N, C-alpha and C. Protein backbone atom coordinates (compact mmCIF):
# COMPACT_ATOMS: atom_id res chain seq x y z
N MET A 1 -92.33 -75.67 -10.44
CA MET A 1 -92.45 -75.34 -12.21
C MET A 1 -93.63 -74.72 -12.73
N LYS A 2 -93.91 -74.13 -13.56
CA LYS A 2 -95.03 -73.23 -13.92
C LYS A 2 -95.96 -74.48 -14.55
N LYS A 3 -96.73 -74.30 -13.78
CA LYS A 3 -98.50 -75.12 -14.59
C LYS A 3 -99.15 -74.65 -15.96
N SER A 4 -99.02 -75.36 -16.90
CA SER A 4 -99.46 -74.36 -18.14
C SER A 4 -100.96 -74.04 -18.00
N ASP A 5 -101.19 -72.95 -19.13
CA ASP A 5 -102.58 -72.39 -18.65
C ASP A 5 -103.75 -73.59 -19.26
N ASP A 6 -105.25 -73.02 -19.59
CA ASP A 6 -105.90 -73.69 -20.20
C ASP A 6 -105.90 -73.75 -21.76
N THR A 7 -104.96 -73.49 -22.23
CA THR A 7 -105.21 -73.55 -23.82
C THR A 7 -104.80 -74.64 -24.14
N ASN A 8 -106.55 -74.94 -25.10
CA ASN A 8 -106.99 -75.73 -25.55
C ASN A 8 -107.11 -77.25 -24.61
N SER A 9 -107.31 -76.85 -23.30
CA SER A 9 -107.55 -77.99 -22.71
C SER A 9 -108.43 -79.23 -22.23
N SER A 10 -109.61 -78.44 -22.97
CA SER A 10 -110.64 -79.46 -23.49
C SER A 10 -110.35 -80.16 -24.53
N GLU A 11 -109.70 -79.61 -25.85
CA GLU A 11 -109.55 -80.38 -26.99
C GLU A 11 -108.49 -81.55 -26.37
N ILE A 12 -107.34 -81.57 -25.45
CA ILE A 12 -106.40 -82.61 -25.22
C ILE A 12 -107.27 -83.36 -24.15
N GLU A 13 -108.34 -83.05 -23.21
CA GLU A 13 -109.20 -84.21 -22.48
C GLU A 13 -109.77 -84.83 -23.76
N SER A 14 -110.73 -84.36 -24.69
CA SER A 14 -111.71 -84.89 -25.57
C SER A 14 -110.92 -86.00 -26.71
N ALA A 15 -109.46 -85.34 -27.03
CA ALA A 15 -108.88 -86.35 -28.02
C ALA A 15 -109.03 -87.80 -28.00
N GLN A 16 -109.38 -87.96 -29.27
CA GLN A 16 -109.46 -89.36 -29.51
C GLN A 16 -108.16 -90.06 -29.84
N GLU A 17 -107.14 -89.48 -29.23
CA GLU A 17 -105.42 -90.23 -29.48
C GLU A 17 -105.54 -91.07 -28.64
N PRO A 18 -105.50 -92.60 -29.34
CA PRO A 18 -104.94 -93.60 -28.56
C PRO A 18 -103.49 -93.37 -27.47
N ASN A 19 -102.87 -92.82 -28.51
CA ASN A 19 -101.36 -92.88 -28.05
C ASN A 19 -100.74 -91.29 -27.53
N LEU A 20 -101.14 -91.17 -26.15
CA LEU A 20 -100.45 -89.81 -26.06
C LEU A 20 -98.82 -89.60 -26.30
N MET A 21 -98.35 -90.68 -26.42
CA MET A 21 -96.81 -90.25 -26.84
C MET A 21 -96.98 -89.60 -28.30
N ALA A 22 -97.75 -90.22 -28.98
CA ALA A 22 -97.52 -90.09 -30.52
C ALA A 22 -98.18 -88.46 -30.67
N ARG A 23 -99.23 -87.93 -29.74
CA ARG A 23 -99.97 -86.66 -29.76
C ARG A 23 -98.63 -86.03 -28.92
N LEU A 24 -97.85 -86.38 -28.13
CA LEU A 24 -97.03 -85.30 -27.99
C LEU A 24 -96.19 -85.15 -28.72
N ARG A 25 -95.72 -86.21 -29.50
CA ARG A 25 -94.83 -86.32 -30.63
C ARG A 25 -95.04 -84.96 -31.42
N ARG A 26 -96.35 -85.11 -31.98
CA ARG A 26 -96.95 -84.04 -33.07
C ARG A 26 -96.70 -82.77 -32.62
N GLU A 27 -97.28 -82.98 -30.91
CA GLU A 27 -97.72 -80.96 -30.60
C GLU A 27 -95.98 -80.59 -30.53
N TYR A 28 -95.26 -81.49 -30.29
CA TYR A 28 -94.29 -80.86 -29.75
C TYR A 28 -93.24 -80.54 -31.06
N GLY A 29 -93.54 -81.50 -32.31
CA GLY A 29 -92.91 -81.09 -33.38
C GLY A 29 -93.43 -79.93 -34.29
N GLU A 30 -94.84 -79.40 -34.04
CA GLU A 30 -95.12 -78.48 -34.76
C GLU A 30 -94.93 -77.41 -34.06
N ALA A 31 -94.77 -77.36 -32.60
CA ALA A 31 -94.80 -76.28 -31.80
C ALA A 31 -93.07 -75.81 -32.05
N ASP A 32 -92.13 -76.85 -32.01
CA ASP A 32 -90.74 -76.42 -32.25
C ASP A 32 -90.50 -76.19 -33.69
N ALA A 33 -91.11 -76.51 -34.68
CA ALA A 33 -91.09 -76.20 -36.06
C ALA A 33 -91.40 -74.48 -36.03
N PHE A 34 -92.71 -74.13 -35.65
CA PHE A 34 -93.43 -72.86 -35.90
C PHE A 34 -92.60 -71.88 -34.93
N ALA A 35 -92.01 -72.57 -33.78
CA ALA A 35 -91.10 -71.55 -32.95
C ALA A 35 -89.80 -71.00 -33.51
N ARG A 36 -89.31 -71.97 -34.51
CA ARG A 36 -88.17 -71.67 -35.34
C ARG A 36 -88.10 -70.97 -36.44
N LYS A 37 -89.99 -70.93 -37.16
CA LYS A 37 -90.23 -70.00 -38.21
C LYS A 37 -90.10 -68.31 -37.58
N VAL A 38 -91.22 -68.18 -36.52
CA VAL A 38 -90.79 -67.41 -35.65
C VAL A 38 -89.35 -66.58 -35.44
N SER A 39 -88.62 -67.38 -35.00
CA SER A 39 -87.17 -67.00 -34.69
C SER A 39 -86.73 -66.38 -35.93
N ASP A 40 -86.64 -66.96 -36.65
CA ASP A 40 -86.10 -66.50 -38.20
C ASP A 40 -86.85 -65.39 -38.69
N TYR A 41 -87.95 -64.86 -38.30
CA TYR A 41 -88.47 -63.87 -38.24
C TYR A 41 -88.12 -62.47 -37.44
N ARG A 42 -88.15 -63.10 -36.42
CA ARG A 42 -87.71 -62.10 -35.15
C ARG A 42 -87.38 -62.95 -33.75
N GLY A 43 -86.00 -63.07 -34.07
CA GLY A 43 -85.17 -63.74 -33.02
C GLY A 43 -85.64 -64.13 -31.57
N ASP A 44 -85.48 -62.76 -30.92
CA ASP A 44 -86.28 -62.81 -29.47
C ASP A 44 -87.67 -62.86 -29.18
N ALA A 45 -88.47 -62.99 -30.25
CA ALA A 45 -90.10 -63.17 -29.98
C ALA A 45 -90.18 -64.61 -29.10
N VAL A 46 -89.13 -65.37 -29.15
CA VAL A 46 -89.86 -66.67 -28.80
C VAL A 46 -89.39 -67.36 -27.92
N ILE A 47 -88.57 -66.53 -26.57
CA ILE A 47 -88.27 -66.75 -25.73
C ILE A 47 -89.47 -67.44 -24.88
N PRO A 48 -90.59 -67.10 -24.75
CA PRO A 48 -91.57 -67.48 -24.04
C PRO A 48 -91.98 -68.97 -24.58
N ALA A 49 -92.03 -69.15 -25.61
CA ALA A 49 -92.48 -70.28 -26.41
C ALA A 49 -91.38 -71.47 -26.14
N HIS A 50 -89.87 -71.17 -26.14
CA HIS A 50 -88.77 -71.86 -25.91
C HIS A 50 -88.84 -72.33 -24.39
N ASN A 51 -89.46 -71.59 -23.63
CA ASN A 51 -89.77 -71.95 -22.24
C ASN A 51 -90.77 -72.84 -21.94
N GLU A 52 -91.83 -72.56 -22.74
CA GLU A 52 -93.11 -73.61 -22.60
C GLU A 52 -92.68 -75.00 -23.11
N LEU A 53 -91.78 -75.29 -23.96
CA LEU A 53 -91.17 -76.18 -24.77
C LEU A 53 -90.28 -76.84 -23.48
N ARG A 54 -89.53 -76.39 -22.49
CA ARG A 54 -88.73 -76.99 -21.65
C ARG A 54 -89.54 -77.45 -20.87
N TYR A 55 -90.67 -76.66 -20.28
CA TYR A 55 -91.89 -77.36 -19.52
C TYR A 55 -92.43 -78.34 -20.08
N ALA A 56 -92.37 -78.77 -21.03
CA ALA A 56 -93.03 -79.96 -21.83
C ALA A 56 -91.95 -80.89 -21.20
N GLY A 57 -90.77 -80.83 -21.47
CA GLY A 57 -89.96 -81.91 -21.46
C GLY A 57 -89.50 -82.22 -19.75
N PHE A 58 -90.08 -81.37 -18.64
CA PHE A 58 -90.01 -81.26 -17.51
C PHE A 58 -91.73 -82.64 -17.52
N HIS A 59 -92.50 -82.30 -18.06
CA HIS A 59 -93.49 -83.33 -17.52
C HIS A 59 -93.36 -84.49 -18.12
N LEU A 60 -92.84 -84.35 -19.41
CA LEU A 60 -92.55 -85.72 -19.89
C LEU A 60 -91.82 -86.90 -19.11
N LEU A 61 -90.80 -86.17 -18.78
CA LEU A 61 -89.79 -86.95 -17.80
C LEU A 61 -90.59 -87.18 -16.50
N GLY A 62 -91.70 -86.53 -15.89
CA GLY A 62 -92.58 -87.27 -14.99
C GLY A 62 -93.67 -88.05 -15.25
N ALA A 63 -93.85 -87.83 -16.70
CA ALA A 63 -94.52 -89.09 -17.41
C ALA A 63 -94.29 -90.29 -17.16
N LEU A 64 -93.16 -90.51 -17.61
CA LEU A 64 -92.64 -91.72 -18.08
C LEU A 64 -91.86 -92.80 -17.07
N ALA A 65 -91.69 -94.21 -16.93
CA ALA A 65 -91.38 -94.63 -15.91
C ALA A 65 -89.98 -94.80 -16.18
N ASP A 66 -88.82 -95.49 -15.13
CA ASP A 66 -87.57 -95.75 -15.60
C ASP A 66 -87.49 -96.92 -16.78
N ASP A 67 -88.44 -97.18 -17.46
CA ASP A 67 -88.40 -98.27 -18.25
C ASP A 67 -89.14 -97.85 -19.91
N ARG A 68 -89.39 -96.63 -19.95
CA ARG A 68 -89.97 -95.59 -20.58
C ARG A 68 -91.39 -95.73 -20.45
N SER A 69 -92.06 -96.66 -19.96
CA SER A 69 -93.24 -96.77 -20.08
C SER A 69 -94.30 -95.59 -19.28
N LEU A 70 -95.20 -95.22 -20.00
CA LEU A 70 -96.02 -94.50 -19.44
C LEU A 70 -97.05 -94.55 -18.04
N GLN A 71 -96.23 -93.94 -16.93
CA GLN A 71 -96.78 -93.69 -15.42
C GLN A 71 -97.57 -92.95 -15.20
N SER A 72 -97.91 -91.53 -15.71
CA SER A 72 -98.88 -90.83 -15.52
C SER A 72 -99.45 -89.91 -16.83
N GLU A 73 -100.61 -90.42 -17.23
CA GLU A 73 -101.46 -89.41 -18.07
C GLU A 73 -101.47 -88.03 -17.70
N GLU A 74 -101.90 -87.57 -16.93
CA GLU A 74 -101.89 -86.50 -16.28
C GLU A 74 -100.35 -85.33 -16.80
N GLN A 75 -99.43 -86.23 -16.43
CA GLN A 75 -97.71 -85.11 -16.72
C GLN A 75 -97.94 -85.46 -18.26
N MET A 76 -98.40 -86.42 -18.92
CA MET A 76 -98.42 -86.73 -20.65
C MET A 76 -99.00 -85.43 -20.49
N ARG A 77 -100.17 -85.17 -20.58
CA ARG A 77 -101.18 -84.16 -20.67
C ARG A 77 -100.93 -82.76 -20.24
N GLU A 78 -100.08 -82.76 -19.46
CA GLU A 78 -99.66 -81.16 -19.11
C GLU A 78 -98.42 -81.04 -19.96
N ALA A 79 -97.64 -82.01 -20.37
CA ALA A 79 -96.56 -81.77 -21.48
C ALA A 79 -97.46 -81.29 -22.80
N ILE A 80 -98.52 -82.02 -23.09
CA ILE A 80 -98.96 -81.53 -24.58
C ILE A 80 -99.27 -80.30 -24.32
N SER A 81 -100.11 -79.92 -23.13
CA SER A 81 -100.63 -78.43 -22.95
C SER A 81 -99.92 -77.30 -23.02
N HIS A 82 -98.53 -77.55 -22.54
CA HIS A 82 -97.17 -77.01 -22.77
C HIS A 82 -96.94 -76.58 -24.04
N CYS A 83 -96.94 -77.80 -24.95
CA CYS A 83 -96.78 -77.62 -26.42
C CYS A 83 -97.49 -76.47 -26.88
N ARG A 84 -98.76 -76.97 -26.96
CA ARG A 84 -99.79 -76.05 -27.31
C ARG A 84 -99.62 -74.44 -27.05
N ARG A 85 -99.37 -74.18 -25.46
CA ARG A 85 -99.00 -73.29 -25.20
C ARG A 85 -97.78 -72.30 -25.93
N ALA A 86 -97.02 -72.96 -26.05
CA ALA A 86 -95.71 -72.73 -26.98
C ALA A 86 -96.09 -72.04 -28.56
N LYS A 87 -97.03 -72.91 -28.98
CA LYS A 87 -97.34 -72.48 -30.53
C LYS A 87 -97.85 -71.12 -30.15
N TYR A 88 -98.83 -70.86 -29.22
CA TYR A 88 -99.42 -69.79 -28.78
C TYR A 88 -98.67 -68.24 -28.39
N GLU A 89 -97.72 -68.97 -27.51
CA GLU A 89 -96.47 -67.87 -27.42
C GLU A 89 -96.09 -67.72 -28.40
N ALA A 90 -95.48 -68.46 -29.57
CA ALA A 90 -94.61 -68.15 -30.40
C ALA A 90 -95.51 -66.99 -31.36
N ALA A 91 -96.80 -67.76 -31.57
CA ALA A 91 -97.92 -66.79 -32.63
C ALA A 91 -97.99 -64.98 -31.85
N GLU A 92 -98.13 -65.07 -30.82
CA GLU A 92 -98.90 -63.70 -30.11
C GLU A 92 -97.31 -62.94 -30.06
N ALA A 93 -95.87 -63.66 -29.80
CA ALA A 93 -94.90 -62.98 -30.35
C ALA A 93 -94.96 -62.14 -31.45
N GLY A 94 -95.07 -63.08 -32.06
CA GLY A 94 -94.64 -62.81 -33.91
C GLY A 94 -95.65 -61.74 -34.37
N ILE A 95 -96.86 -62.07 -33.90
CA ILE A 95 -98.09 -61.09 -34.75
C ILE A 95 -97.47 -59.66 -33.84
N MET A 96 -97.36 -59.76 -32.59
CA MET A 96 -97.18 -58.58 -32.09
C MET A 96 -95.92 -57.74 -32.58
N TRP A 97 -95.01 -57.97 -32.86
CA TRP A 97 -93.82 -57.14 -33.22
C TRP A 97 -94.36 -57.22 -34.68
N ALA A 98 -94.94 -57.90 -35.93
CA ALA A 98 -95.22 -57.56 -37.11
C ALA A 98 -96.03 -56.39 -36.98
N LEU A 99 -97.50 -56.52 -35.91
CA LEU A 99 -98.34 -55.18 -35.70
C LEU A 99 -97.87 -54.05 -35.56
N ASN A 100 -96.69 -53.93 -34.18
CA ASN A 100 -95.96 -52.85 -34.35
C ASN A 100 -95.34 -52.31 -35.29
N SER A 101 -94.20 -52.91 -36.03
CA SER A 101 -93.81 -52.75 -37.44
C SER A 101 -94.54 -52.46 -38.43
N ILE A 102 -95.72 -52.66 -38.90
CA ILE A 102 -96.90 -52.48 -39.63
C ILE A 102 -97.22 -50.62 -39.10
N LYS A 103 -97.30 -50.91 -37.80
CA LYS A 103 -97.95 -49.23 -37.49
C LYS A 103 -96.98 -48.10 -37.58
N ILE A 104 -95.78 -48.68 -37.48
CA ILE A 104 -94.69 -47.56 -37.81
C ILE A 104 -94.73 -47.43 -39.13
N PHE A 105 -94.60 -48.17 -39.83
CA PHE A 105 -95.09 -47.97 -41.40
C PHE A 105 -95.81 -47.07 -41.67
N GLN A 106 -97.15 -47.43 -41.09
CA GLN A 106 -98.43 -46.37 -41.42
C GLN A 106 -98.05 -44.90 -41.18
N ASP A 107 -97.16 -45.11 -39.94
CA ASP A 107 -97.11 -43.44 -39.18
C ASP A 107 -95.84 -42.59 -40.06
N ASP A 108 -95.06 -43.82 -40.88
CA ASP A 108 -94.06 -42.95 -41.79
C ASP A 108 -94.95 -42.30 -42.65
N TYR A 109 -95.59 -43.15 -43.14
CA TYR A 109 -96.28 -42.69 -44.92
C TYR A 109 -97.47 -42.46 -44.65
N ARG A 110 -97.91 -41.68 -43.70
CA ARG A 110 -99.22 -41.32 -43.60
C ARG A 110 -99.68 -40.07 -44.47
N THR A 111 -98.79 -39.36 -44.88
CA THR A 111 -99.13 -38.58 -45.97
C THR A 111 -98.56 -39.10 -47.08
N THR A 112 -98.13 -40.02 -47.44
CA THR A 112 -97.66 -40.37 -48.82
C THR A 112 -98.29 -41.42 -49.43
N PRO A 113 -98.54 -40.87 -50.72
CA PRO A 113 -99.99 -42.06 -51.83
C PRO A 113 -99.12 -43.26 -51.92
N ILE A 114 -99.74 -44.37 -50.99
CA ILE A 114 -99.12 -45.53 -51.58
C ILE A 114 -99.57 -46.72 -52.13
N SER A 115 -101.12 -46.29 -52.65
CA SER A 115 -101.43 -47.58 -53.50
C SER A 115 -101.00 -47.64 -54.94
N ASP A 116 -100.15 -46.87 -55.72
CA ASP A 116 -99.53 -46.74 -56.72
C ASP A 116 -98.58 -47.85 -56.47
N VAL A 117 -97.61 -47.76 -55.16
CA VAL A 117 -96.71 -49.09 -54.86
C VAL A 117 -97.15 -50.17 -54.46
N LEU A 118 -98.23 -50.35 -53.69
CA LEU A 118 -99.08 -51.26 -52.87
C LEU A 118 -100.40 -51.27 -53.16
N PRO A 119 -101.09 -51.70 -54.23
CA PRO A 119 -102.04 -51.83 -54.76
C PRO A 119 -103.15 -52.49 -54.09
N ASP A 120 -102.79 -53.46 -53.16
CA ASP A 120 -103.65 -54.23 -52.30
C ASP A 120 -103.53 -53.27 -50.99
N TYR A 121 -102.66 -52.57 -50.58
CA TYR A 121 -102.69 -51.72 -49.27
C TYR A 121 -103.81 -51.53 -48.43
N ILE A 122 -104.96 -51.25 -49.16
CA ILE A 122 -106.35 -51.10 -48.22
C ILE A 122 -106.87 -52.30 -47.75
N ASP A 123 -106.83 -53.39 -48.46
CA ASP A 123 -107.23 -54.79 -48.34
C ASP A 123 -106.12 -55.33 -47.35
N SER A 124 -104.73 -55.22 -47.72
CA SER A 124 -104.27 -55.33 -46.16
C SER A 124 -104.06 -54.76 -44.67
N CYS A 125 -104.40 -53.39 -44.92
CA CYS A 125 -104.56 -52.83 -43.80
C CYS A 125 -105.87 -53.29 -43.22
N GLU A 126 -106.82 -53.90 -43.80
CA GLU A 126 -107.95 -54.58 -43.33
C GLU A 126 -107.76 -55.95 -42.62
N LYS A 127 -106.61 -56.43 -43.41
CA LYS A 127 -106.12 -57.85 -42.91
C LYS A 127 -105.29 -57.50 -41.26
N VAL A 128 -104.66 -56.37 -41.65
CA VAL A 128 -104.15 -56.22 -40.46
C VAL A 128 -104.65 -56.13 -39.05
N GLU A 129 -106.10 -55.08 -39.30
CA GLU A 129 -107.00 -54.76 -38.35
C GLU A 129 -107.48 -56.20 -37.69
N ASN A 130 -107.87 -57.16 -38.76
CA ASN A 130 -108.39 -58.27 -38.10
C ASN A 130 -107.62 -59.09 -37.40
N ALA A 131 -106.52 -58.97 -37.60
CA ALA A 131 -105.40 -60.10 -36.77
C ALA A 131 -105.05 -59.46 -35.57
N ARG A 132 -105.33 -57.75 -35.22
CA ARG A 132 -105.23 -57.14 -34.08
C ARG A 132 -106.44 -58.01 -33.11
N LYS A 133 -107.81 -57.81 -33.73
CA LYS A 133 -108.92 -58.44 -33.71
C LYS A 133 -108.57 -59.75 -33.01
N LYS A 134 -108.31 -60.44 -33.47
CA LYS A 134 -108.19 -62.02 -33.37
C LYS A 134 -107.12 -62.14 -32.44
N LEU A 135 -106.10 -61.12 -32.29
CA LEU A 135 -105.36 -61.49 -30.81
C LEU A 135 -105.86 -60.91 -29.66
N GLY A 136 -106.53 -60.23 -29.78
CA GLY A 136 -107.56 -59.44 -28.66
C GLY A 136 -108.23 -60.75 -28.19
N ALA A 137 -108.97 -61.26 -29.04
CA ALA A 137 -109.62 -61.98 -28.61
C ALA A 137 -109.57 -63.38 -28.13
N ALA A 138 -108.34 -63.96 -28.85
CA ALA A 138 -107.44 -65.07 -28.36
C ALA A 138 -106.80 -64.69 -26.79
N ARG A 139 -106.28 -63.37 -26.65
CA ARG A 139 -105.88 -63.13 -25.31
C ARG A 139 -107.24 -63.15 -24.34
N ASP A 140 -108.21 -62.68 -24.57
CA ASP A 140 -109.41 -63.05 -23.87
C ASP A 140 -109.67 -64.09 -22.93
N SER A 141 -109.96 -65.06 -24.42
CA SER A 141 -110.40 -66.50 -24.12
C SER A 141 -109.18 -67.23 -23.64
N GLY A 142 -108.28 -66.64 -23.29
CA GLY A 142 -106.88 -67.62 -22.41
C GLY A 142 -106.05 -68.36 -23.57
N GLY A 143 -105.94 -68.14 -24.88
CA GLY A 143 -105.25 -68.65 -25.55
C GLY A 143 -106.14 -69.02 -26.85
N GLY A 144 -107.22 -69.25 -26.66
CA GLY A 144 -108.07 -69.94 -27.98
C GLY A 144 -107.44 -71.48 -28.75
N LYS A 145 -107.71 -71.26 -29.81
CA LYS A 145 -106.69 -72.48 -30.31
C LYS A 145 -105.34 -71.83 -31.13
N PRO A 146 -104.24 -72.21 -30.99
CA PRO A 146 -103.31 -71.71 -31.52
C PRO A 146 -103.21 -71.78 -32.61
N GLU A 147 -103.72 -72.56 -33.10
CA GLU A 147 -103.53 -73.17 -34.88
C GLU A 147 -104.06 -71.79 -35.68
N GLU A 148 -104.79 -71.11 -35.10
CA GLU A 148 -105.74 -69.58 -35.74
C GLU A 148 -105.02 -69.05 -35.89
N LEU A 149 -103.90 -68.52 -34.74
CA LEU A 149 -103.19 -67.42 -34.46
C LEU A 149 -101.72 -67.80 -35.39
N MET A 150 -101.45 -69.19 -35.60
CA MET A 150 -100.35 -69.36 -36.51
C MET A 150 -100.67 -69.06 -37.67
N LYS A 151 -101.89 -69.16 -38.34
CA LYS A 151 -102.31 -68.26 -39.51
C LYS A 151 -102.00 -67.27 -39.72
N THR A 152 -102.52 -66.71 -38.66
CA THR A 152 -102.68 -65.12 -38.58
C THR A 152 -101.12 -64.61 -38.45
N PHE A 153 -100.04 -65.02 -37.69
CA PHE A 153 -98.67 -64.87 -37.76
C PHE A 153 -98.34 -64.87 -39.51
N ASP A 154 -98.63 -65.72 -39.93
CA ASP A 154 -97.91 -66.24 -41.35
C ASP A 154 -98.72 -64.89 -42.20
N GLU A 155 -99.61 -64.59 -41.91
CA GLU A 155 -100.53 -63.55 -42.81
C GLU A 155 -100.11 -62.31 -42.49
N VAL A 156 -100.03 -61.93 -41.50
CA VAL A 156 -99.59 -60.54 -41.08
C VAL A 156 -97.86 -60.13 -41.50
N SER A 157 -97.23 -61.10 -41.13
CA SER A 157 -95.85 -61.33 -41.28
C SER A 157 -95.25 -61.25 -42.71
N GLU A 158 -95.82 -61.52 -43.68
CA GLU A 158 -95.93 -61.42 -44.85
C GLU A 158 -96.44 -60.24 -45.37
N ILE A 159 -97.30 -59.45 -44.77
CA ILE A 159 -97.62 -57.72 -45.12
C ILE A 159 -96.47 -57.40 -44.38
N GLN A 160 -96.18 -57.70 -43.40
CA GLN A 160 -94.89 -56.53 -42.82
C GLN A 160 -93.67 -56.67 -43.78
N LYS A 161 -93.48 -57.49 -44.13
CA LYS A 161 -92.53 -58.01 -45.05
C LYS A 161 -92.53 -57.22 -46.31
N ARG A 162 -93.70 -57.33 -47.17
CA ARG A 162 -94.32 -56.26 -48.42
C ARG A 162 -93.99 -54.98 -48.15
N PHE A 163 -94.47 -54.56 -46.84
CA PHE A 163 -94.48 -53.12 -46.66
C PHE A 163 -92.67 -52.64 -46.38
N GLU A 164 -92.08 -53.33 -46.00
CA GLU A 164 -90.56 -52.87 -45.61
C GLU A 164 -90.11 -52.85 -47.04
N ILE A 165 -90.35 -53.98 -47.97
CA ILE A 165 -89.73 -53.79 -48.96
C ILE A 165 -90.12 -52.67 -49.96
N ALA A 166 -91.40 -52.25 -49.65
CA ALA A 166 -91.97 -50.83 -50.36
C ALA A 166 -91.20 -49.85 -50.14
N ARG A 167 -90.61 -49.60 -48.93
CA ARG A 167 -89.89 -48.27 -48.03
C ARG A 167 -89.32 -47.86 -49.23
N SER A 168 -88.37 -48.15 -50.00
CA SER A 168 -87.25 -47.84 -51.20
C SER A 168 -88.06 -46.81 -51.98
N GLU A 169 -89.38 -47.55 -52.62
CA GLU A 169 -90.05 -47.10 -53.64
C GLU A 169 -90.93 -45.89 -53.17
N LEU A 170 -91.34 -46.00 -51.76
CA LEU A 170 -91.83 -45.06 -51.18
C LEU A 170 -91.00 -43.90 -50.91
N ASN A 171 -89.84 -44.00 -50.37
CA ASN A 171 -88.54 -42.94 -50.01
C ASN A 171 -88.58 -42.25 -51.45
N LYS A 172 -88.38 -42.66 -52.23
CA LYS A 172 -87.97 -42.29 -53.51
C LYS A 172 -89.48 -41.03 -54.09
N LYS A 173 -90.55 -41.76 -53.79
CA LYS A 173 -92.11 -41.08 -54.10
C LYS A 173 -91.67 -39.56 -53.13
N ASN A 174 -91.59 -39.83 -52.12
CA ASN A 174 -91.49 -38.77 -51.47
C ASN A 174 -90.41 -37.64 -51.77
N GLU A 175 -89.36 -38.00 -52.06
CA GLU A 175 -88.39 -37.22 -52.69
C GLU A 175 -88.86 -36.64 -53.83
N GLN A 176 -89.41 -37.63 -54.83
CA GLN A 176 -90.02 -36.54 -56.12
C GLN A 176 -90.97 -35.48 -55.50
N LEU A 177 -91.62 -35.98 -54.49
CA LEU A 177 -92.90 -35.10 -53.97
C LEU A 177 -92.23 -33.82 -53.41
N ARG A 178 -91.22 -34.14 -52.94
CA ARG A 178 -90.64 -32.71 -51.95
C ARG A 178 -89.81 -31.95 -53.37
N LYS A 179 -89.42 -32.56 -54.40
CA LYS A 179 -88.55 -31.75 -55.19
C LYS A 179 -89.71 -31.11 -55.92
N THR A 180 -90.92 -31.75 -55.95
CA THR A 180 -92.19 -30.80 -56.99
C THR A 180 -92.80 -29.65 -56.05
N TYR A 181 -92.67 -30.24 -54.55
CA TYR A 181 -93.18 -28.99 -53.92
C TYR A 181 -92.12 -27.92 -53.74
N PHE A 182 -91.01 -27.94 -53.79
CA PHE A 182 -89.77 -26.78 -53.79
C PHE A 182 -89.82 -26.36 -55.25
N HIS A 183 -90.15 -27.01 -56.21
CA HIS A 183 -90.04 -26.06 -57.37
C HIS A 183 -91.49 -25.40 -57.62
N ARG A 184 -92.63 -25.72 -57.02
CA ARG A 184 -93.86 -25.07 -57.10
C ARG A 184 -93.55 -23.62 -56.25
N ILE A 185 -93.18 -23.86 -55.34
CA ILE A 185 -92.89 -22.85 -54.43
C ILE A 185 -91.75 -21.53 -54.91
N ILE A 186 -90.74 -22.34 -55.45
CA ILE A 186 -90.00 -21.35 -56.31
C ILE A 186 -90.38 -20.65 -57.20
N ALA A 187 -91.53 -21.23 -58.13
CA ALA A 187 -92.42 -20.78 -59.00
C ALA A 187 -93.31 -19.76 -58.83
N VAL A 188 -93.69 -20.20 -57.51
CA VAL A 188 -94.70 -19.03 -57.32
C VAL A 188 -94.02 -17.71 -56.48
N ALA A 189 -92.88 -18.03 -56.21
CA ALA A 189 -92.21 -16.88 -55.47
C ALA A 189 -91.71 -16.24 -56.82
N VAL A 190 -91.25 -16.92 -57.77
CA VAL A 190 -90.61 -15.97 -58.90
C VAL A 190 -91.82 -14.95 -59.29
N MET A 191 -92.81 -15.72 -59.83
CA MET A 191 -93.68 -15.17 -60.16
C MET A 191 -94.45 -13.65 -59.17
N ILE A 192 -94.38 -13.75 -57.95
CA ILE A 192 -94.87 -13.02 -57.05
C ILE A 192 -93.76 -11.70 -57.18
N LEU A 193 -92.60 -12.15 -57.08
CA LEU A 193 -91.35 -11.10 -57.32
C LEU A 193 -91.31 -10.45 -58.49
N ALA A 194 -91.95 -11.02 -59.88
CA ALA A 194 -92.05 -10.40 -61.15
C ALA A 194 -93.17 -9.65 -61.30
N ALA A 195 -94.27 -10.28 -60.62
CA ALA A 195 -95.31 -9.05 -60.51
C ALA A 195 -94.99 -7.88 -59.56
N ALA A 196 -94.35 -7.93 -58.52
CA ALA A 196 -93.90 -6.64 -57.66
C ALA A 196 -92.61 -6.08 -58.54
N ILE A 197 -92.04 -6.51 -59.16
CA ILE A 197 -91.11 -5.44 -59.81
C ILE A 197 -91.81 -4.93 -61.13
N GLY A 198 -93.03 -5.49 -61.56
CA GLY A 198 -93.79 -4.77 -62.67
C GLY A 198 -94.87 -3.62 -62.28
N PHE A 199 -94.84 -4.14 -61.20
CA PHE A 199 -95.82 -3.16 -60.30
C PHE A 199 -95.04 -1.91 -59.81
N LEU A 200 -93.87 -1.90 -59.00
CA LEU A 200 -92.53 -0.79 -59.09
C LEU A 200 -92.34 -0.33 -59.98
N ALA A 201 -91.91 -0.91 -61.29
CA ALA A 201 -91.66 -0.19 -62.50
C ALA A 201 -92.85 0.97 -63.39
N ASP A 202 -93.98 0.19 -62.99
CA ASP A 202 -95.19 1.53 -63.37
C ASP A 202 -95.23 2.50 -62.42
N ILE A 203 -94.88 2.19 -61.25
CA ILE A 203 -94.84 3.43 -60.14
C ILE A 203 -93.82 4.60 -60.70
N PHE A 204 -92.73 3.83 -60.89
CA PHE A 204 -91.42 4.83 -61.19
C PHE A 204 -90.99 5.01 -62.66
């Protein structure tokens, strides 16, 4: 059985929670609800989180005696740790997908004026870059506080959704720009042709 990492293990050790079962119920409920949210956003992103919740269930069985009394605090704390890791895994996967999708959007419209369609585009891009840094810092620290990444997921997923909705208007803008560019080329070509005809007429 996989042993959980150190995601907030110090918090678990120092928690002033007199009832470990109550703590586990809370952590599991929060992790399960958040994994469902990420699954609604991007279904296949939460497989690692679901695995962590399965590990939590395994340790819960090891923590309880046949009469359901607590026989191992260590196993219970392992179960809690896996629940917290599940939050991290779901947040990380959701953030990564959102960031990748946003990068594709930015590449697709790198030459398109965007601010009149998305007035807060620059501010949103700054938030996206901050989210990228937070994710990197969390990885470097072994998980950090999953609740912070959960908030980051909420932020970048909303940005990604707004960017995707804007595609329709931006595509219209690109089409208008292409038509304008084409008309200008035609106008310039006609001017050059008229000048050439006038020049030849003067000669002959």
